[in-house]
Amino acid sequence: MKQSGYIIGVLLLAMAATAVAAGGDESGLAATLRQVVENNLAAYNREDRAATMRSIHTKAPDYADMQQALLSQFSALDARTELVSFRYIGHDDEFAIARVKLKTVDQSGEPFVANILDTITLFHQQDGAWKYWDSYVLGVELLP
């Protein structure tokens, strides 16, 4: 875990330097990435596994695990997730990074603690479209 934290730190510094050096308006990319998150959440909230998976890069490290996790989540919970905040950080020639906070609540009555998940999320293009690559949890706020 320390190594992945170090790698994320280096990526963030490199992307910040690239964004400053480029000096360009990156609002278009930020809006595109935010839309990836919103489309993913809409599909998740509809419990549409195929549509949820379409927003995730097929070569992402946790792709297969996510497919399995969705099966159990959709069958056991009535979870709803909403975007609390999205802050674009930067990109290099291969990856884009944003800080994403998501609030999840459940109505199923199963044991579940509502929470806000704070992540650094990486995106990577596949066939010209930005998709989720990976997320690193910065913190979890448990809600009453």
N, C-alpha and C. Protein backbone atom coordinates (compact mmCIF):
# COMPACT_ATOMS: atom_id res chain seq x y z
N MET A 1 0.82 -1.19 0.00
CA MET A 1 0.00 0.00 0.00
C MET A 1 0.86 1.25 0.00
N LYS A 2 1.99 1.23 0.71
CA LYS A 2 2.86 2.39 0.71
C LYS A 2 3.37 2.68 -0.69
N GLN A 3 3.70 1.62 -1.44
CA GLN A 3 4.22 1.81 -2.78
C GLN A 3 3.16 2.45 -3.67
N SER A 4 1.90 2.01 -3.59
CA SER A 4 0.87 2.60 -4.43
C SER A 4 0.62 4.05 -4.03
N GLY A 5 0.72 4.37 -2.75
CA GLY A 5 0.59 5.75 -2.30
C GLY A 5 1.70 6.62 -2.87
N TYR A 6 2.90 6.09 -2.89
CA TYR A 6 4.04 6.81 -3.46
C TYR A 6 3.82 7.04 -4.95
N ILE A 7 3.36 6.01 -5.65
CA ILE A 7 3.13 6.12 -7.09
C ILE A 7 2.06 7.16 -7.38
N ILE A 8 0.98 7.15 -6.61
CA ILE A 8 -0.07 8.15 -6.79
C ILE A 8 0.48 9.55 -6.56
N GLY A 9 1.30 9.71 -5.52
CA GLY A 9 1.89 11.01 -5.25
C GLY A 9 2.74 11.51 -6.41
N VAL A 10 3.54 10.63 -6.96
CA VAL A 10 4.39 11.00 -8.10
C VAL A 10 3.52 11.36 -9.30
N LEU A 11 2.48 10.56 -9.57
CA LEU A 11 1.58 10.86 -10.68
C LEU A 11 0.90 12.22 -10.51
N LEU A 12 0.44 12.50 -9.30
CA LEU A 12 -0.22 13.79 -9.04
C LEU A 12 0.72 14.95 -9.29
N LEU A 13 1.95 14.84 -8.81
CA LEU A 13 2.92 15.92 -9.03
C LEU A 13 3.24 16.09 -10.51
N ALA A 14 3.42 14.99 -11.21
CA ALA A 14 3.72 15.06 -12.64
C ALA A 14 2.56 15.68 -13.42
N MET A 15 1.34 15.28 -13.07
CA MET A 15 0.19 15.82 -13.78
C MET A 15 -0.04 17.28 -13.48
N ALA A 16 0.19 17.67 -12.24
CA ALA A 16 0.04 19.08 -11.88
C ALA A 16 1.05 19.92 -12.64
N ALA A 17 2.28 19.44 -12.73
CA ALA A 17 3.33 20.16 -13.47
C ALA A 17 2.97 20.25 -14.95
N THR A 18 2.44 19.18 -15.51
CA THR A 18 2.04 19.16 -16.92
C THR A 18 0.92 20.15 -17.16
N ALA A 19 -0.06 20.19 -16.27
CA ALA A 19 -1.20 21.10 -16.43
C ALA A 19 -0.74 22.55 -16.36
N VAL A 20 0.17 22.86 -15.45
CA VAL A 20 0.68 24.22 -15.33
C VAL A 20 1.48 24.59 -16.57
N ALA A 21 2.33 23.68 -17.03
CA ALA A 21 3.15 23.94 -18.21
C ALA A 21 2.29 24.12 -19.45
N ALA A 22 1.23 23.33 -19.57
CA ALA A 22 0.36 23.42 -20.74
C ALA A 22 -0.40 24.74 -20.74
N GLY A 23 -0.80 25.18 -19.55
CA GLY A 23 -1.48 26.46 -19.42
C GLY A 23 -2.81 26.53 -20.14
N GLY A 24 -3.29 25.43 -20.68
CA GLY A 24 -4.53 25.44 -21.44
C GLY A 24 -5.75 25.22 -20.57
N ASP A 25 -6.90 25.44 -21.20
CA ASP A 25 -8.16 25.22 -20.52
C ASP A 25 -8.49 23.74 -20.59
N GLU A 26 -8.61 23.10 -19.45
CA GLU A 26 -8.89 21.67 -19.41
C GLU A 26 -10.31 21.41 -18.96
N SER A 27 -11.16 22.43 -19.05
CA SER A 27 -12.54 22.25 -18.58
C SER A 27 -13.29 21.21 -19.40
N GLY A 28 -12.95 21.06 -20.68
CA GLY A 28 -13.60 20.05 -21.51
C GLY A 28 -13.31 18.65 -21.02
N LEU A 29 -12.05 18.38 -20.69
CA LEU A 29 -11.68 17.06 -20.17
C LEU A 29 -12.31 16.83 -18.81
N ALA A 30 -12.32 17.85 -17.97
CA ALA A 30 -12.94 17.72 -16.65
C ALA A 30 -14.42 17.39 -16.79
N ALA A 31 -15.11 18.05 -17.71
CA ALA A 31 -16.53 17.79 -17.92
C ALA A 31 -16.75 16.37 -18.45
N THR A 32 -15.87 15.92 -19.33
CA THR A 32 -15.97 14.56 -19.88
C THR A 32 -15.81 13.53 -18.77
N LEU A 33 -14.82 13.71 -17.92
CA LEU A 33 -14.57 12.76 -16.83
C LEU A 33 -15.72 12.77 -15.83
N ARG A 34 -16.23 13.94 -15.54
CA ARG A 34 -17.37 14.03 -14.62
C ARG A 34 -18.56 13.27 -15.21
N GLN A 35 -18.75 13.37 -16.53
CA GLN A 35 -19.84 12.66 -17.18
C GLN A 35 -19.66 11.15 -17.09
N VAL A 36 -18.40 10.67 -17.17
CA VAL A 36 -18.12 9.24 -16.98
C VAL A 36 -18.62 8.80 -15.62
N VAL A 37 -18.31 9.60 -14.59
CA VAL A 37 -18.74 9.28 -13.23
C VAL A 37 -20.27 9.30 -13.13
N GLU A 38 -20.89 10.33 -13.67
CA GLU A 38 -22.35 10.45 -13.58
C GLU A 38 -23.06 9.32 -14.34
N ASN A 39 -22.54 8.96 -15.52
CA ASN A 39 -23.14 7.85 -16.27
C ASN A 39 -23.00 6.54 -15.52
N ASN A 40 -21.84 6.34 -14.90
CA ASN A 40 -21.61 5.13 -14.12
C ASN A 40 -22.58 5.07 -12.94
N LEU A 41 -22.76 6.17 -12.25
CA LEU A 41 -23.67 6.20 -11.10
C LEU A 41 -25.12 5.97 -11.52
N ALA A 42 -25.51 6.55 -12.64
CA ALA A 42 -26.88 6.34 -13.13
C ALA A 42 -27.12 4.87 -13.43
N ALA A 43 -26.16 4.23 -14.09
CA ALA A 43 -26.28 2.80 -14.41
C ALA A 43 -26.29 1.97 -13.13
N TYR A 44 -25.42 2.31 -12.19
CA TYR A 44 -25.36 1.58 -10.91
C TYR A 44 -26.69 1.70 -10.17
N ASN A 45 -27.22 2.90 -10.12
CA ASN A 45 -28.48 3.12 -9.39
C ASN A 45 -29.67 2.42 -10.06
N ARG A 46 -29.57 2.17 -11.37
CA ARG A 46 -30.61 1.39 -12.06
C ARG A 46 -30.36 -0.12 -11.92
N GLU A 47 -29.24 -0.45 -11.28
CA GLU A 47 -28.78 -1.84 -11.13
C GLU A 47 -28.59 -2.50 -12.50
N ASP A 48 -28.06 -1.72 -13.42
CA ASP A 48 -27.77 -2.18 -14.78
C ASP A 48 -26.29 -2.55 -14.84
N ARG A 49 -26.01 -3.81 -14.63
CA ARG A 49 -24.63 -4.30 -14.55
C ARG A 49 -23.86 -4.04 -15.84
N ALA A 50 -24.46 -4.33 -16.98
CA ALA A 50 -23.77 -4.16 -18.26
C ALA A 50 -23.41 -2.70 -18.49
N ALA A 51 -24.34 -1.80 -18.25
CA ALA A 51 -24.06 -0.36 -18.44
C ALA A 51 -23.03 0.14 -17.44
N THR A 52 -23.09 -0.36 -16.22
CA THR A 52 -22.09 0.02 -15.21
C THR A 52 -20.71 -0.41 -15.67
N MET A 53 -20.60 -1.62 -16.16
CA MET A 53 -19.30 -2.14 -16.59
C MET A 53 -18.77 -1.44 -17.84
N ARG A 54 -19.65 -0.89 -18.68
CA ARG A 54 -19.20 -0.18 -19.89
C ARG A 54 -18.38 1.06 -19.56
N SER A 55 -18.54 1.61 -18.36
CA SER A 55 -17.79 2.81 -17.99
C SER A 55 -16.43 2.47 -17.36
N ILE A 56 -16.12 1.19 -17.27
CA ILE A 56 -14.87 0.73 -16.67
C ILE A 56 -13.98 0.12 -17.75
N HIS A 57 -12.74 0.54 -17.79
CA HIS A 57 -11.78 0.03 -18.78
C HIS A 57 -11.66 -1.48 -18.61
N THR A 58 -11.74 -2.23 -19.71
CA THR A 58 -11.73 -3.69 -19.63
C THR A 58 -10.40 -4.25 -19.15
N LYS A 59 -9.34 -3.45 -19.20
CA LYS A 59 -8.04 -3.92 -18.70
C LYS A 59 -7.70 -3.32 -17.33
N ALA A 60 -8.69 -2.69 -16.71
CA ALA A 60 -8.50 -2.12 -15.37
C ALA A 60 -8.14 -3.21 -14.38
N PRO A 61 -7.30 -2.89 -13.41
CA PRO A 61 -6.85 -3.91 -12.45
C PRO A 61 -7.96 -4.68 -11.74
N ASP A 62 -9.09 -4.04 -11.46
CA ASP A 62 -10.16 -4.68 -10.70
C ASP A 62 -11.39 -4.98 -11.54
N TYR A 63 -11.26 -5.06 -12.85
CA TYR A 63 -12.41 -5.25 -13.73
C TYR A 63 -13.20 -6.51 -13.37
N ALA A 64 -12.53 -7.65 -13.31
CA ALA A 64 -13.22 -8.93 -13.02
C ALA A 64 -13.83 -8.92 -11.62
N ASP A 65 -13.10 -8.37 -10.66
CA ASP A 65 -13.63 -8.29 -9.29
C ASP A 65 -14.89 -7.42 -9.24
N MET A 66 -14.89 -6.34 -10.00
CA MET A 66 -16.05 -5.44 -10.02
C MET A 66 -17.27 -6.16 -10.60
N GLN A 67 -17.09 -6.93 -11.65
CA GLN A 67 -18.21 -7.68 -12.22
C GLN A 67 -18.87 -8.57 -11.16
N GLN A 68 -18.05 -9.28 -10.39
CA GLN A 68 -18.57 -10.16 -9.35
C GLN A 68 -19.21 -9.37 -8.21
N ALA A 69 -18.56 -8.27 -7.81
CA ALA A 69 -19.09 -7.47 -6.71
C ALA A 69 -20.46 -6.91 -7.04
N LEU A 70 -20.66 -6.50 -8.28
CA LEU A 70 -21.96 -5.94 -8.67
C LEU A 70 -23.08 -6.96 -8.52
N LEU A 71 -22.80 -8.21 -8.83
CA LEU A 71 -23.82 -9.25 -8.69
C LEU A 71 -24.32 -9.33 -7.25
N SER A 72 -23.39 -9.37 -6.31
CA SER A 72 -23.80 -9.48 -4.91
C SER A 72 -24.41 -8.19 -4.39
N GLN A 73 -23.89 -7.04 -4.83
CA GLN A 73 -24.45 -5.77 -4.37
C GLN A 73 -25.88 -5.59 -4.86
N PHE A 74 -26.12 -5.90 -6.11
CA PHE A 74 -27.46 -5.72 -6.66
C PHE A 74 -28.47 -6.70 -6.06
N SER A 75 -28.01 -7.89 -5.71
CA SER A 75 -28.95 -8.86 -5.15
C SER A 75 -29.21 -8.64 -3.66
N ALA A 76 -28.24 -8.12 -2.93
CA ALA A 76 -28.38 -8.00 -1.48
C ALA A 76 -28.83 -6.62 -1.00
N LEU A 77 -28.49 -5.59 -1.76
CA LEU A 77 -28.73 -4.23 -1.28
C LEU A 77 -29.65 -3.47 -2.21
N ASP A 78 -30.20 -2.40 -1.68
CA ASP A 78 -30.92 -1.42 -2.48
C ASP A 78 -30.16 -0.10 -2.31
N ALA A 79 -28.90 -0.15 -2.70
CA ALA A 79 -28.00 0.99 -2.50
C ALA A 79 -28.21 2.04 -3.58
N ARG A 80 -28.08 3.29 -3.19
CA ARG A 80 -28.13 4.42 -4.10
C ARG A 80 -26.90 5.28 -3.82
N THR A 81 -26.21 5.62 -4.90
CA THR A 81 -24.99 6.41 -4.76
C THR A 81 -25.14 7.70 -5.54
N GLU A 82 -24.69 8.79 -4.94
CA GLU A 82 -24.73 10.09 -5.62
C GLU A 82 -23.38 10.76 -5.54
N LEU A 83 -23.11 11.59 -6.51
CA LEU A 83 -21.87 12.34 -6.56
C LEU A 83 -21.96 13.52 -5.60
N VAL A 84 -21.05 13.57 -4.65
CA VAL A 84 -20.99 14.67 -3.69
C VAL A 84 -20.10 15.77 -4.26
N SER A 85 -18.94 15.39 -4.77
CA SER A 85 -18.05 16.38 -5.38
C SER A 85 -17.12 15.71 -6.38
N PHE A 86 -16.71 16.50 -7.36
CA PHE A 86 -15.79 16.06 -8.39
C PHE A 86 -14.80 17.19 -8.61
N ARG A 87 -13.53 16.89 -8.44
CA ARG A 87 -12.49 17.91 -8.65
C ARG A 87 -11.42 17.33 -9.56
N TYR A 88 -11.38 17.84 -10.77
CA TYR A 88 -10.38 17.43 -11.74
C TYR A 88 -9.00 17.85 -11.24
N ILE A 89 -8.02 16.95 -11.33
CA ILE A 89 -6.67 17.27 -10.87
C ILE A 89 -5.73 17.50 -12.04
N GLY A 90 -5.73 16.59 -13.01
CA GLY A 90 -4.85 16.77 -14.16
C GLY A 90 -4.74 15.50 -14.98
N HIS A 91 -3.85 15.56 -15.97
CA HIS A 91 -3.64 14.38 -16.83
C HIS A 91 -2.23 14.42 -17.42
N ASP A 92 -1.81 13.25 -17.89
CA ASP A 92 -0.60 13.17 -18.68
C ASP A 92 -1.01 12.57 -20.02
N ASP A 93 -0.08 11.99 -20.75
CA ASP A 93 -0.42 11.44 -22.06
C ASP A 93 -1.20 10.14 -21.98
N GLU A 94 -1.37 9.58 -20.78
CA GLU A 94 -2.02 8.28 -20.66
C GLU A 94 -3.18 8.25 -19.67
N PHE A 95 -3.06 8.92 -18.53
CA PHE A 95 -4.06 8.86 -17.47
C PHE A 95 -4.55 10.26 -17.12
N ALA A 96 -5.77 10.31 -16.59
CA ALA A 96 -6.34 11.52 -16.01
C ALA A 96 -6.72 11.19 -14.57
N ILE A 97 -6.68 12.20 -13.72
CA ILE A 97 -6.95 11.99 -12.30
C ILE A 97 -7.94 13.03 -11.79
N ALA A 98 -8.86 12.58 -10.93
CA ALA A 98 -9.80 13.48 -10.28
C ALA A 98 -10.00 13.01 -8.84
N ARG A 99 -10.36 13.94 -8.00
CA ARG A 99 -10.77 13.59 -6.64
C ARG A 99 -12.29 13.51 -6.67
N VAL A 100 -12.81 12.35 -6.29
CA VAL A 100 -14.24 12.08 -6.39
C VAL A 100 -14.77 11.67 -5.02
N LYS A 101 -15.86 12.30 -4.60
CA LYS A 101 -16.52 11.92 -3.35
C LYS A 101 -17.92 11.43 -3.70
N LEU A 102 -18.25 10.24 -3.16
CA LEU A 102 -19.53 9.59 -3.43
C LEU A 102 -20.25 9.28 -2.13
N LYS A 103 -21.54 9.55 -2.10
CA LYS A 103 -22.36 9.22 -0.94
C LYS A 103 -23.23 8.03 -1.29
N THR A 104 -23.18 7.00 -0.44
CA THR A 104 -23.98 5.79 -0.66
C THR A 104 -24.87 5.54 0.54
N VAL A 105 -26.14 5.32 0.25
CA VAL A 105 -27.13 4.95 1.27
C VAL A 105 -27.83 3.69 0.80
N ASP A 106 -28.46 2.96 1.73
CA ASP A 106 -29.14 1.72 1.39
C ASP A 106 -30.52 1.71 2.01
N GLN A 107 -31.49 1.23 1.25
CA GLN A 107 -32.89 1.16 1.71
C GLN A 107 -33.35 -0.28 1.94
N SER A 108 -32.46 -1.27 1.80
CA SER A 108 -32.89 -2.67 1.83
C SER A 108 -33.18 -3.21 3.22
N GLY A 109 -32.66 -2.55 4.24
CA GLY A 109 -32.81 -3.07 5.58
C GLY A 109 -31.69 -4.01 5.98
N GLU A 110 -30.84 -4.37 5.02
CA GLU A 110 -29.67 -5.20 5.32
C GLU A 110 -28.67 -4.36 6.11
N PRO A 111 -27.78 -5.02 6.87
CA PRO A 111 -26.75 -4.27 7.59
C PRO A 111 -25.86 -3.50 6.61
N PHE A 112 -25.91 -2.20 6.71
CA PHE A 112 -25.14 -1.33 5.84
C PHE A 112 -25.03 0.02 6.52
N VAL A 113 -23.86 0.64 6.46
CA VAL A 113 -23.67 1.96 7.04
C VAL A 113 -23.53 2.97 5.91
N ALA A 114 -24.46 3.91 5.87
CA ALA A 114 -24.37 4.98 4.87
C ALA A 114 -23.02 5.68 5.04
N ASN A 115 -22.45 6.11 3.90
CA ASN A 115 -21.11 6.69 3.98
C ASN A 115 -20.83 7.62 2.83
N ILE A 116 -19.79 8.41 3.01
CA ILE A 116 -19.22 9.22 1.94
C ILE A 116 -17.81 8.73 1.72
N LEU A 117 -17.55 8.28 0.51
CA LEU A 117 -16.25 7.73 0.14
C LEU A 117 -15.47 8.80 -0.61
N ASP A 118 -14.27 9.11 -0.14
CA ASP A 118 -13.39 10.11 -0.72
C ASP A 118 -12.27 9.38 -1.46
N THR A 119 -12.17 9.58 -2.78
CA THR A 119 -11.20 8.84 -3.57
C THR A 119 -10.37 9.73 -4.49
N ILE A 120 -9.22 9.20 -4.85
CA ILE A 120 -8.48 9.68 -6.01
C ILE A 120 -8.79 8.65 -7.09
N THR A 121 -9.37 9.10 -8.19
CA THR A 121 -9.81 8.20 -9.24
C THR A 121 -9.00 8.43 -10.51
N LEU A 122 -8.53 7.33 -11.08
CA LEU A 122 -7.76 7.38 -12.32
C LEU A 122 -8.64 6.96 -13.48
N PHE A 123 -8.49 7.64 -14.60
CA PHE A 123 -9.22 7.34 -15.82
C PHE A 123 -8.20 7.06 -16.93
N HIS A 124 -8.60 6.21 -17.86
CA HIS A 124 -7.73 5.83 -18.98
C HIS A 124 -8.61 5.66 -20.21
N GLN A 125 -8.11 6.05 -21.36
CA GLN A 125 -8.92 5.92 -22.57
C GLN A 125 -8.90 4.50 -23.12
N GLN A 126 -10.05 4.11 -23.65
CA GLN A 126 -10.18 2.84 -24.35
C GLN A 126 -11.02 3.11 -25.59
N ASP A 127 -10.47 2.83 -26.74
CA ASP A 127 -11.15 3.07 -28.01
C ASP A 127 -11.67 4.51 -28.11
N GLY A 128 -10.86 5.46 -27.64
CA GLY A 128 -11.20 6.87 -27.75
C GLY A 128 -12.12 7.41 -26.69
N ALA A 129 -12.57 6.58 -25.76
CA ALA A 129 -13.48 7.03 -24.70
C ALA A 129 -12.80 6.91 -23.34
N TRP A 130 -12.97 7.93 -22.50
CA TRP A 130 -12.43 7.88 -21.14
C TRP A 130 -13.27 6.92 -20.32
N LYS A 131 -12.58 6.10 -19.51
CA LYS A 131 -13.24 5.14 -18.63
C LYS A 131 -12.51 5.08 -17.31
N TYR A 132 -13.22 4.55 -16.30
CA TYR A 132 -12.58 4.31 -15.00
C TYR A 132 -11.41 3.36 -15.18
N TRP A 133 -10.31 3.64 -14.49
CA TRP A 133 -9.18 2.71 -14.45
C TRP A 133 -9.03 2.15 -13.04
N ASP A 134 -8.95 3.01 -12.04
CA ASP A 134 -8.77 2.56 -10.66
C ASP A 134 -9.11 3.71 -9.72
N SER A 135 -9.35 3.37 -8.48
CA SER A 135 -9.61 4.36 -7.43
C SER A 135 -8.82 4.00 -6.19
N TYR A 136 -8.37 5.02 -5.50
CA TYR A 136 -7.65 4.85 -4.24
C TYR A 136 -8.41 5.61 -3.17
N VAL A 137 -8.78 4.91 -2.13
CA VAL A 137 -9.61 5.51 -1.07
C VAL A 137 -8.71 6.38 -0.18
N LEU A 138 -9.14 7.63 -0.05
CA LEU A 138 -8.46 8.56 0.85
C LEU A 138 -9.09 8.54 2.22
N GLY A 139 -10.38 8.28 2.25
CA GLY A 139 -11.08 8.23 3.54
C GLY A 139 -12.54 7.86 3.36
N VAL A 140 -13.15 7.46 4.46
CA VAL A 140 -14.56 7.12 4.48
C VAL A 140 -15.18 7.81 5.68
N GLU A 141 -16.24 8.56 5.42
CA GLU A 141 -16.99 9.21 6.49
C GLU A 141 -18.29 8.42 6.68
N LEU A 142 -18.45 7.84 7.87
CA LEU A 142 -19.67 7.09 8.16
C LEU A 142 -20.77 8.06 8.55
N LEU A 143 -21.96 7.83 8.02
CA LEU A 143 -23.09 8.73 8.26
C LEU A 143 -24.07 8.10 9.23
N PRO A 144 -24.75 8.94 10.01
CA PRO A 144 -25.72 8.40 10.97
C PRO A 144 -26.93 7.79 10.29
